[in-house]
């Protein structure tokens, strides 16, 4: 068992937000707005960042070396923060698209 506290939460939340991103990508493509919108490309990039955040947090939980665990947890936190900012941008883009 590792001593880190946030990796479990990062893994859980990143996986959930990854599902949100996939819903956004699917809805953009199903409404045939993919050609005139870059929201799906941006959401795909955020999805990749979330996948790497999940992988690093999972590795942080599974590794038995404390130094690797702490380093992986910090990387997962950084990627998760970047992904949250990306999701904020996606939401703002969708919001302004609806207002227009």
PDB file of N, CA and C in Angstrom:
ATOM      1  N   UNK A   1       0.843  -1.188   0.000  1.00  0.00           N
ATOM      2  CA  UNK A   1       0.000   0.000   0.000  1.00  0.00           C
ATOM      3  C   UNK A   1       0.879   1.239   0.000  1.00  0.00           C
ATOM      4  N   UNK A   2       0.573   2.187  -0.822  1.00  0.00           N
ATOM      5  CA  UNK A   2       1.356   3.405  -0.900  1.00  0.00           C
ATOM      6  C   UNK A   2       0.851   4.430   0.094  1.00  0.00           C
ATOM      7  N   UNK A   3       1.700   5.406   0.375  1.00  0.00           N
ATOM      8  CA  UNK A   3       1.337   6.433   1.339  1.00  0.00           C
ATOM      9  C   UNK A   3       0.711   7.652   0.686  1.00  0.00           C
ATOM     10  N   UNK A   4       0.635   7.671  -0.648  1.00  0.00           N
ATOM     11  CA  UNK A   4       0.079   8.856  -1.304  1.00  0.00           C
ATOM     12  C   UNK A   4      -1.425   8.929  -1.050  1.00  0.00           C
ATOM     13  N   UNK A   5      -1.912  10.149  -1.053  1.00  0.00           N
ATOM     14  CA  UNK A   5      -3.316  10.377  -0.739  1.00  0.00           C
ATOM     15  C   UNK A   5      -4.141  10.783  -1.954  1.00  0.00           C
ATOM     16  N   UNK A   6      -3.527  11.404  -2.936  1.00  0.00           N
ATOM     17  CA  UNK A   6      -4.314  11.970  -4.026  1.00  0.00           C
ATOM     18  C   UNK A   6      -4.392  11.088  -5.262  1.00  0.00           C
ATOM     19  N   UNK A   7      -3.533  10.114  -5.397  1.00  0.00           N
ATOM     20  CA  UNK A   7      -3.526   9.302  -6.620  1.00  0.00           C
ATOM     21  C   UNK A   7      -4.848   8.583  -6.848  1.00  0.00           C
ATOM     22  N   UNK A   8      -5.435   8.064  -5.789  1.00  0.00           N
ATOM     23  CA  UNK A   8      -6.719   7.375  -5.936  1.00  0.00           C
ATOM     24  C   UNK A   8      -7.793   8.333  -6.430  1.00  0.00           C
ATOM     25  N   UNK A   9      -7.786   9.552  -5.912  1.00  0.00           N
ATOM     26  CA  UNK A   9      -8.776  10.546  -6.320  1.00  0.00           C
ATOM     27  C   UNK A   9      -8.531  11.029  -7.748  1.00  0.00           C
ATOM     28  N   UNK A  10      -7.264  11.192  -8.093  1.00  0.00           N
ATOM     29  CA  UNK A  10      -6.927  11.611  -9.458  1.00  0.00           C
ATOM     30  C   UNK A  10      -7.366  10.544 -10.452  1.00  0.00           C
ATOM     31  N   UNK A  11      -7.095   9.291 -10.132  1.00  0.00           N
ATOM     32  CA  UNK A  11      -7.472   8.192 -11.024  1.00  0.00           C
ATOM     33  C   UNK A  11      -8.986   8.155 -11.218  1.00  0.00           C
ATOM     34  N   UNK A  12      -9.724   8.246 -10.146  1.00  0.00           N
ATOM     35  CA  UNK A  12     -11.188   8.220 -10.212  1.00  0.00           C
ATOM     36  C   UNK A  12     -11.740   9.385 -11.024  1.00  0.00           C
ATOM     37  N   UNK A  13     -11.295  10.579 -10.692  1.00  0.00           N
ATOM     38  CA  UNK A  13     -11.837  11.771 -11.326  1.00  0.00           C
ATOM     39  C   UNK A  13     -11.388  11.900 -12.768  1.00  0.00           C
ATOM     40  N   UNK A  14     -10.147  11.535 -13.060  1.00  0.00           N
ATOM     41  CA  UNK A  14      -9.663  11.587 -14.438  1.00  0.00           C
ATOM     42  C   UNK A  14     -10.457  10.653 -15.338  1.00  0.00           C
ATOM     43  N   UNK A  15     -10.754   9.470 -14.827  1.00  0.00           N
ATOM     44  CA  UNK A  15     -11.538   8.519 -15.613  1.00  0.00           C
ATOM     45  C   UNK A  15     -12.953   9.049 -15.858  1.00  0.00           C
ATOM     46  N   UNK A  16     -13.530   9.687 -14.863  1.00  0.00           N
ATOM     47  CA  UNK A  16     -14.864  10.264 -15.026  1.00  0.00           C
ATOM     48  C   UNK A  16     -14.851  11.409 -16.033  1.00  0.00           C
ATOM     49  N   UNK A  17     -13.872  12.289 -15.934  1.00  0.00           N
ATOM     50  CA  UNK A  17     -13.769  13.409 -16.871  1.00  0.00           C
ATOM     51  C   UNK A  17     -13.433  12.931 -18.282  1.00  0.00           C
ATOM     52  N   UNK A  18     -12.723  11.826 -18.382  1.00  0.00           N
ATOM     53  CA  UNK A  18     -12.468  11.238 -19.689  1.00  0.00           C
ATOM     54  C   UNK A  18     -13.783  10.824 -20.336  1.00  0.00           C
ATOM     55  N   UNK A  19     -14.695  10.278 -19.556  1.00  0.00           N
ATOM     56  CA  UNK A  19     -16.031   9.945 -20.065  1.00  0.00           C
ATOM     57  C   UNK A  19     -16.768  11.181 -20.536  1.00  0.00           C
ATOM     58  N   UNK A  20     -16.648  12.288 -19.785  1.00  0.00           N
ATOM     59  CA  UNK A  20     -17.259  13.556 -20.204  1.00  0.00           C
ATOM     60  C   UNK A  20     -16.701  13.997 -21.560  1.00  0.00           C
ATOM     61  N   UNK A  21     -15.396  13.916 -21.717  1.00  0.00           N
ATOM     62  CA  UNK A  21     -14.776  14.322 -22.985  1.00  0.00           C
ATOM     63  C   UNK A  21     -15.253  13.453 -24.142  1.00  0.00           C
ATOM     64  N   UNK A  22     -15.390  12.169 -23.892  1.00  0.00           N
ATOM     65  CA  UNK A  22     -15.865  11.275 -24.954  1.00  0.00           C
ATOM     66  C   UNK A  22     -17.312  11.584 -25.330  1.00  0.00           C
ATOM     67  N   UNK A  23     -18.124  11.985 -24.365  1.00  0.00           N
ATOM     68  CA  UNK A  23     -19.504  12.390 -24.657  1.00  0.00           C
ATOM     69  C   UNK A  23     -19.505  13.648 -25.517  1.00  0.00           C
ATOM     70  N   UNK A  24     -18.627  14.605 -25.193  1.00  0.00           N
ATOM     71  CA  UNK A  24     -18.540  15.834 -25.988  1.00  0.00           C
ATOM     72  C   UNK A  24     -18.119  15.515 -27.417  1.00  0.00           C
ATOM     73  N   UNK A  25     -17.109  14.680 -27.579  1.00  0.00           N
ATOM     74  CA  UNK A  25     -16.641  14.315 -28.924  1.00  0.00           C
ATOM     75  C   UNK A  25     -17.752  13.627 -29.702  1.00  0.00           C
ATOM     76  N   UNK A  26     -18.444  12.692 -29.056  1.00  0.00           N
ATOM     77  CA  UNK A  26     -19.532  11.969 -29.719  1.00  0.00           C
ATOM     78  C   UNK A  26     -20.666  12.899 -30.118  1.00  0.00           C
ATOM     79  N   UNK A  27     -21.029  13.820 -29.231  1.00  0.00           N
ATOM     80  CA  UNK A  27     -22.133  14.726 -29.551  1.00  0.00           C
ATOM     81  C   UNK A  27     -21.767  15.685 -30.669  1.00  0.00           C
ATOM     82  N   UNK A  28     -20.525  16.144 -30.711  1.00  0.00           N
ATOM     83  CA  UNK A  28     -20.094  17.032 -31.800  1.00  0.00           C
ATOM     84  C   UNK A  28     -20.136  16.286 -33.126  1.00  0.00           C
ATOM     85  N   UNK A  29     -19.671  15.050 -33.138  1.00  0.00           N
ATOM     86  CA  UNK A  29     -19.675  14.265 -34.379  1.00  0.00           C
ATOM     87  C   UNK A  29     -21.082  13.839 -34.789  1.00  0.00           C
ATOM     88  N   UNK A  30     -21.932  13.515 -33.824  1.00  0.00           N
ATOM     89  CA  UNK A  30     -23.274  13.062 -34.191  1.00  0.00           C
ATOM     90  C   UNK A  30     -24.144  14.205 -34.709  1.00  0.00           C
ATOM     91  N   UNK A  31     -23.819  15.429 -34.336  1.00  0.00           N
ATOM     92  CA  UNK A  31     -24.551  16.591 -34.837  1.00  0.00           C
ATOM     93  C   UNK A  31     -23.931  17.182 -36.087  1.00  0.00           C
ATOM     94  N   UNK A  32     -22.948  16.507 -36.657  1.00  0.00           N
ATOM     95  CA  UNK A  32     -22.257  16.927 -37.879  1.00  0.00           C
ATOM     96  C   UNK A  32     -21.648  18.323 -37.766  1.00  0.00           C
ATOM     97  N   UNK A  33     -21.151  18.663 -36.587  1.00  0.00           N
ATOM     98  CA  UNK A  33     -20.473  19.946 -36.387  1.00  0.00           C
ATOM     99  C   UNK A  33     -18.957  19.778 -36.346  1.00  0.00           C
ATOM    100  N   UNK A  34     -18.461  18.589 -36.618  1.00  0.00           N
ATOM    101  CA  UNK A  34     -17.027  18.339 -36.516  1.00  0.00           C
ATOM    102  C   UNK A  34     -16.240  19.089 -37.579  1.00  0.00           C
ATOM    103  N   UNK A  35     -16.812  19.297 -38.737  1.00  0.00           N
ATOM    104  CA  UNK A  35     -16.084  19.947 -39.821  1.00  0.00           C
ATOM    105  C   UNK A  35     -15.886  21.439 -39.559  1.00  0.00           C
ATOM    106  N   UNK A  36     -16.840  22.086 -38.922  1.00  0.00           N
ATOM    107  CA  UNK A  36     -16.748  23.526 -38.710  1.00  0.00           C
ATOM    108  C   UNK A  36     -16.427  23.892 -37.260  1.00  0.00           C
ATOM    109  N   UNK A  37     -15.932  22.956 -36.482  1.00  0.00           N
ATOM    110  CA  UNK A  37     -15.613  23.217 -35.086  1.00  0.00           C
ATOM    111  C   UNK A  37     -14.300  22.549 -34.719  1.00  0.00           C
ATOM    112  N   UNK A  38     -13.522  23.221 -33.884  1.00  0.00           N
ATOM    113  CA  UNK A  38     -12.304  22.592 -33.403  1.00  0.00           C
ATOM    114  C   UNK A  38     -12.458  22.109 -31.954  1.00  0.00           C
ATOM    115  N   UNK A  39     -13.687  22.145 -31.451  1.00  0.00           N
ATOM    116  CA  UNK A  39     -13.945  21.682 -30.096  1.00  0.00           C
ATOM    117  C   UNK A  39     -13.613  20.197 -29.974  1.00  0.00           C
ATOM    118  N   UNK A  40     -13.919  19.406 -30.980  1.00  0.00           N
ATOM    119  CA  UNK A  40     -13.645  17.974 -30.895  1.00  0.00           C
ATOM    120  C   UNK A  40     -12.148  17.681 -30.893  1.00  0.00           C
ATOM    121  N   UNK A  41     -11.357  18.444 -31.667  1.00  0.00           N
ATOM    122  CA  UNK A  41      -9.908  18.237 -31.647  1.00  0.00           C
ATOM    123  C   UNK A  41      -9.329  18.627 -30.288  1.00  0.00           C
ATOM    124  N   UNK A  42      -9.784  19.755 -29.763  1.00  0.00           N
ATOM    125  CA  UNK A  42      -9.305  20.207 -28.467  1.00  0.00           C
ATOM    126  C   UNK A  42      -9.717  19.229 -27.376  1.00  0.00           C
ATOM    127  N   UNK A  43     -10.935  18.708 -27.467  1.00  0.00           N
ATOM    128  CA  UNK A  43     -11.407  17.724 -26.496  1.00  0.00           C
ATOM    129  C   UNK A  43     -10.602  16.435 -26.601  1.00  0.00           C
ATOM    130  N   UNK A  44     -10.192  16.069 -27.805  1.00  0.00           N
ATOM    131  CA  UNK A  44      -9.353  14.883 -27.972  1.00  0.00           C
ATOM    132  C   UNK A  44      -8.005  15.057 -27.293  1.00  0.00           C
ATOM    133  N   UNK A  45      -7.436  16.243 -27.391  1.00  0.00           N
ATOM    134  CA  UNK A  45      -6.158  16.520 -26.721  1.00  0.00           C
ATOM    135  C   UNK A  45      -6.336  16.437 -25.205  1.00  0.00           C
ATOM    136  N   UNK A  46      -7.405  17.026 -24.697  1.00  0.00           N
ATOM    137  CA  UNK A  46      -7.680  16.956 -23.258  1.00  0.00           C
ATOM    138  C   UNK A  46      -7.896  15.502 -22.835  1.00  0.00           C
ATOM    139  N   UNK A  47      -8.540  14.711 -23.679  1.00  0.00           N
ATOM    140  CA  UNK A  47      -8.740  13.291 -23.379  1.00  0.00           C
ATOM    141  C   UNK A  47      -7.412  12.557 -23.257  1.00  0.00           C
ATOM    142  N   UNK A  48      -6.491  12.850 -24.150  1.00  0.00           N
ATOM    143  CA  UNK A  48      -5.166  12.225 -24.070  1.00  0.00           C
ATOM    144  C   UNK A  48      -4.450  12.620 -22.781  1.00  0.00           C
ATOM    145  N   UNK A  49      -4.556  13.878 -22.409  1.00  0.00           N
ATOM    146  CA  UNK A  49      -3.929  14.326 -21.156  1.00  0.00           C
ATOM    147  C   UNK A  49      -4.548  13.593 -19.973  1.00  0.00           C
ATOM    148  N   UNK A  50      -5.866  13.410 -19.992  1.00  0.00           N
ATOM    149  CA  UNK A  50      -6.533  12.681 -18.906  1.00  0.00           C
ATOM    150  C   UNK A  50      -6.112  11.214 -18.873  1.00  0.00           C
ATOM    151  N   UNK A  51      -5.917  10.618 -20.048  1.00  0.00           N
ATOM    152  CA  UNK A  51      -5.465   9.226 -20.089  1.00  0.00           C
ATOM    153  C   UNK A  51      -4.086   9.100 -19.442  1.00  0.00           C
ATOM    154  N   UNK A  52      -3.185  10.026 -19.776  1.00  0.00           N
ATOM    155  CA  UNK A  52      -1.857   9.979 -19.172  1.00  0.00           C
ATOM    156  C   UNK A  52      -1.922  10.267 -17.671  1.00  0.00           C
ATOM    157  N   UNK A  53      -2.819  11.132 -17.252  1.00  0.00           N
ATOM    158  CA  UNK A  53      -3.007  11.378 -15.829  1.00  0.00           C
ATOM    159  C   UNK A  53      -3.477  10.102 -15.130  1.00  0.00           C
ATOM    160  N   UNK A  54      -4.395   9.387 -15.759  1.00  0.00           N
ATOM    161  CA  UNK A  54      -4.849   8.105 -15.204  1.00  0.00           C
ATOM    162  C   UNK A  54      -3.703   7.109 -15.103  1.00  0.00           C
ATOM    163  N   UNK A  55      -2.902   7.019 -16.161  1.00  0.00           N
ATOM    164  CA  UNK A  55      -1.794   6.064 -16.163  1.00  0.00           C
ATOM    165  C   UNK A  55      -0.767   6.383 -15.088  1.00  0.00           C
ATOM    166  N   UNK A  56      -0.400   7.652 -14.967  1.00  0.00           N
ATOM    167  CA  UNK A  56       0.576   8.028 -13.945  1.00  0.00           C
ATOM    168  C   UNK A  56       0.029   7.832 -12.533  1.00  0.00           C
ATOM    169  N   UNK A  57      -1.231   8.141 -12.309  1.00  0.00           N
ATOM    170  CA  UNK A  57      -1.789   7.938 -10.974  1.00  0.00           C
ATOM    171  C   UNK A  57      -1.915   6.445 -10.665  1.00  0.00           C
ATOM    172  N   UNK A  58      -2.261   5.637 -11.660  1.00  0.00           N
ATOM    173  CA  UNK A  58      -2.322   4.197 -11.452  1.00  0.00           C
ATOM    174  C   UNK A  58      -0.939   3.641 -11.122  1.00  0.00           C
ATOM    175  N   UNK A  59       0.076   4.105 -11.862  1.00  0.00           N
ATOM    176  CA  UNK A  59       1.441   3.666 -11.583  1.00  0.00           C
ATOM    177  C   UNK A  59       1.869   4.106 -10.180  1.00  0.00           C
ATOM    178  N   UNK A  60       1.473   5.299  -9.789  1.00  0.00           N
ATOM    179  CA  UNK A  60       1.809   5.791  -8.455  1.00  0.00           C
ATOM    180  C   UNK A  60       1.211   4.914  -7.367  1.00  0.00           C
ATOM    181  N   UNK A  61       0.028   4.419  -7.606  1.00  0.00           N
ATOM    182  CA  UNK A  61      -0.618   3.542  -6.633  1.00  0.00           C
ATOM    183  C   UNK A  61       0.053   2.175  -6.605  1.00  0.00           C
ATOM    184  N   UNK A  62       0.436   1.666  -7.768  1.00  0.00           N
ATOM    185  CA  UNK A  62       0.927   0.299  -7.881  1.00  0.00           C
ATOM    186  C   UNK A  62       2.407   0.118  -7.564  1.00  0.00           C
ATOM    187  N   UNK A  63       3.205   1.152  -7.741  1.00  0.00           N
ATOM    188  CA  UNK A  63       4.641   0.971  -7.557  1.00  0.00           C
ATOM    189  C   UNK A  63       4.996   0.836  -6.080  1.00  0.00           C
ATOM    190  N   UNK A  64       6.042   0.085  -5.818  1.00  0.00           N
ATOM    191  CA  UNK A  64       6.471  -0.119  -4.434  1.00  0.00           C
ATOM    192  C   UNK A  64       7.608   0.822  -4.038  1.00  0.00           C
ATOM    193  N   UNK A  65       8.146   1.558  -5.005  1.00  0.00           N
ATOM    194  CA  UNK A  65       9.235   2.491  -4.713  1.00  0.00           C
ATOM    195  C   UNK A  65       8.660   3.866  -4.366  1.00  0.00           C
ATOM    196  N   UNK A  66       8.932   4.354  -3.171  1.00  0.00           N
ATOM    197  CA  UNK A  66       8.354   5.637  -2.753  1.00  0.00           C
ATOM    198  C   UNK A  66       8.763   6.816  -3.644  1.00  0.00           C
ATOM    199  N   UNK A  67       9.981   6.826  -4.133  1.00  0.00           N
ATOM    200  CA  UNK A  67      10.400   7.951  -4.989  1.00  0.00           C
ATOM    201  C   UNK A  67       9.647   7.937  -6.309  1.00  0.00           C
ATOM    202  N   UNK A  68       9.479   6.763  -6.905  1.00  0.00           N
ATOM    203  CA  UNK A  68       8.705   6.664  -8.147  1.00  0.00           C
ATOM    204  C   UNK A  68       7.238   7.006  -7.908  1.00  0.00           C
ATOM    205  N   UNK A  69       6.725   6.602  -6.756  1.00  0.00           N
ATOM    206  CA  UNK A  69       5.333   6.888  -6.429  1.00  0.00           C
ATOM    207  C   UNK A  69       5.099   8.386  -6.305  1.00  0.00           C
ATOM    208  N   UNK A  70       5.974   9.078  -5.589  1.00  0.00           N
ATOM    209  CA  UNK A  70       5.813  10.524  -5.415  1.00  0.00           C
ATOM    210  C   UNK A  70       5.969  11.272  -6.741  1.00  0.00           C
ATOM    211  N   UNK A  71       6.943  10.869  -7.539  1.00  0.00           N
ATOM    212  CA  UNK A  71       7.165  11.520  -8.837  1.00  0.00           C
ATOM    213  C   UNK A  71       5.971  11.294  -9.768  1.00  0.00           C
ATOM    214  N   UNK A  72       5.470  10.072  -9.811  1.00  0.00           N
ATOM    215  CA  UNK A  72       4.315   9.771 -10.664  1.00  0.00           C
ATOM    216  C   UNK A  72       3.077  10.509 -10.191  1.00  0.00           C
ATOM    217  N   UNK A  73       2.929  10.626  -8.879  1.00  0.00           N
ATOM    218  CA  UNK A  73       1.778  11.348  -8.341  1.00  0.00           C
ATOM    219  C   UNK A  73       1.851  12.834  -8.706  1.00  0.00           C
ATOM    220  N   UNK A  74       3.037  13.420  -8.641  1.00  0.00           N
ATOM    221  CA  UNK A  74       3.194  14.835  -9.012  1.00  0.00           C
ATOM    222  C   UNK A  74       2.907  15.050 -10.496  1.00  0.00           C
ATOM    223  N   UNK A  75       3.361  14.129 -11.345  1.00  0.00           N
ATOM    224  CA  UNK A  75       3.087  14.230 -12.778  1.00  0.00           C
ATOM    225  C   UNK A  75       1.589  14.100 -13.030  1.00  0.00           C
ATOM    226  N   UNK A  76       0.948  13.151 -12.337  1.00  0.00           N
ATOM    227  CA  UNK A  76      -0.500  12.967 -12.489  1.00  0.00           C
ATOM    228  C   UNK A  76      -1.251  14.216 -12.054  1.00  0.00           C
ATOM    229  N   UNK A  77      -0.811  14.841 -10.962  1.00  0.00           N
ATOM    230  CA  UNK A  77      -1.446  16.079 -10.492  1.00  0.00           C
ATOM    231  C   UNK A  77      -1.294  17.192 -11.517  1.00  0.00           C
ATOM    232  N   UNK A  78      -0.107  17.328 -12.079  1.00  0.00           N
ATOM    233  CA  UNK A  78       0.137  18.368 -13.078  1.00  0.00           C
ATOM    234  C   UNK A  78      -0.730  18.151 -14.316  1.00  0.00           C
ATOM    235  N   UNK A  79      -0.754  16.920 -14.818  1.00  0.00           N
ATOM    236  CA  UNK A  79      -1.570  16.614 -15.987  1.00  0.00           C
ATOM    237  C   UNK A  79      -3.056  16.818 -15.697  1.00  0.00           C
ATOM    238  N   UNK A  80      -3.479  16.451 -14.505  1.00  0.00           N
ATOM    239  CA  UNK A  80      -4.879  16.639 -14.123  1.00  0.00           C
ATOM    240  C   UNK A  80      -5.245  18.127 -14.093  1.00  0.00           C
ATOM    241  N   UNK A  81      -4.357  18.947 -13.561  1.00  0.00           N
ATOM    242  CA  UNK A  81      -4.597  20.390 -13.543  1.00  0.00           C
ATOM    243  C   UNK A  81      -4.679  20.980 -14.939  1.00  0.00           C
ATOM    244  N   UNK A  82      -3.790  20.540 -15.818  1.00  0.00           N
ATOM    245  CA  UNK A  82      -3.825  20.997 -17.210  1.00  0.00           C
ATOM    246  C   UNK A  82      -5.133  20.576 -17.870  1.00  0.00           C
ATOM    247  N   UNK A  83      -5.545  19.337 -17.616  1.00  0.00           N
ATOM    248  CA  UNK A  83      -6.793  18.842 -18.197  1.00  0.00           C
ATOM    249  C   UNK A  83      -7.999  19.624 -17.672  1.00  0.00           C
ATOM    250  N   UNK A  84      -7.991  19.975 -16.392  1.00  0.00           N
ATOM    251  CA  UNK A  84      -9.094  20.777 -15.848  1.00  0.00           C
ATOM    252  C   UNK A  84      -9.186  22.136 -16.533  1.00  0.00           C
ATOM    253  N   UNK A  85      -8.044  22.747 -16.773  1.00  0.00           N
ATOM    254  CA  UNK A  85      -8.047  24.025 -17.498  1.00  0.00           C
ATOM    255  C   UNK A  85      -8.575  23.827 -18.914  1.00  0.00           C
ATOM    256  N   UNK A  86      -8.194  22.720 -19.544  1.00  0.00           N
ATOM    257  CA  UNK A  86      -8.701  22.418 -20.879  1.00  0.00           C
ATOM    258  C   UNK A  86     -10.206  22.214 -20.896  1.00  0.00           C
ATOM    259  N   UNK A  87     -10.728  21.536 -19.877  1.00  0.00           N
ATOM    260  CA  UNK A  87     -12.177  21.322 -19.792  1.00  0.00           C
ATOM    261  C   UNK A  87     -12.895  22.650 -19.573  1.00  0.00           C
ATOM    262  N   UNK A  88     -12.304  23.534 -18.790  1.00  0.00           N
ATOM    263  CA  UNK A  88     -12.880  24.868 -18.616  1.00  0.00           C
ATOM    264  C   UNK A  88     -12.971  25.592 -19.954  1.00  0.00           C
ATOM    265  N   UNK A  89     -11.923  25.502 -20.743  1.00  0.00           N
ATOM    266  CA  UNK A  89     -11.926  26.128 -22.071  1.00  0.00           C
ATOM    267  C   UNK A  89     -12.985  25.496 -22.969  1.00  0.00           C
ATOM    268  N   UNK A  90     -13.106  24.172 -22.915  1.00  0.00           N
ATOM    269  CA  UNK A  90     -14.121  23.482 -23.719  1.00  0.00           C
ATOM    270  C   UNK A  90     -15.520  23.961 -23.338  1.00  0.00           C
ATOM    271  N   UNK A  91     -15.776  24.045 -22.043  1.00  0.00           N
ATOM    272  CA  UNK A  91     -17.092  24.487 -21.587  1.00  0.00           C
ATOM    273  C   UNK A  91     -17.362  25.917 -22.040  1.00  0.00           C
ATOM    274  N   UNK A  92     -16.363  26.783 -21.942  1.00  0.00           N
ATOM    275  CA  UNK A  92     -16.542  28.160 -22.396  1.00  0.00           C
ATOM    276  C   UNK A  92     -16.780  28.224 -23.900  1.00  0.00           C
ATOM    277  N   UNK A  93     -16.056  27.404 -24.668  1.00  0.00           N
ATOM    278  CA  UNK A  93     -16.277  27.366 -26.114  1.00  0.00           C
ATOM    279  C   UNK A  93     -17.693  26.900 -26.450  1.00  0.00           C
ATOM    280  N   UNK A  94     -18.141  25.868 -25.762  1.00  0.00           N
ATOM    281  CA  UNK A  94     -19.500  25.379 -25.996  1.00  0.00           C
ATOM    282  C   UNK A  94     -20.536  26.403 -25.559  1.00  0.00           C
ATOM    283  N   UNK A  95     -20.271  27.086 -24.479  1.00  0.00           N
ATOM    284  CA  UNK A  95     -21.197  28.095 -23.993  1.00  0.00           C
ATOM    285  C   UNK A  95     -21.331  29.245 -24.989  1.00  0.00           C
ATOM    286  N   UNK A  96     -20.220  29.741 -25.467  1.00  0.00           N
ATOM    287  CA  UNK A  96     -20.278  30.854 -26.413  1.00  0.00           C
ATOM    288  C   UNK A  96     -20.811  30.430 -27.773  1.00  0.00           C
ATOM    289  N   UNK A  97     -20.617  29.168 -28.111  1.00  0.00           N
ATOM    290  CA  UNK A  97     -21.183  28.641 -29.358  1.00  0.00           C
ATOM    291  C   UNK A  97     -22.711  28.619 -29.270  1.00  0.00           C
ATOM    292  N   UNK A  98     -23.231  28.275 -28.097  1.00  0.00           N
ATOM    293  CA  UNK A  98     -24.682  28.246 -27.893  1.00  0.00           C
ATOM    294  C   UNK A  98     -25.240  29.660 -27.879  1.00  0.00           C
ATOM    295  N   UNK A  99     -24.509  30.598 -27.270  1.00  0.00           N
ATOM    296  CA  UNK A  99     -24.988  31.976 -27.195  1.00  0.00           C
ATOM    297  C   UNK A  99     -25.021  32.613 -28.587  1.00  0.00           C
ATOM    298  N   UNK A 100     -24.015  32.307 -29.412  1.00  0.00           N
ATOM    299  CA  UNK A 100     -24.001  32.859 -30.766  1.00  0.00           C
ATOM    300  C   UNK A 100     -25.192  32.360 -31.517  1.00  0.00           C
TER     301      UNK A 100
END
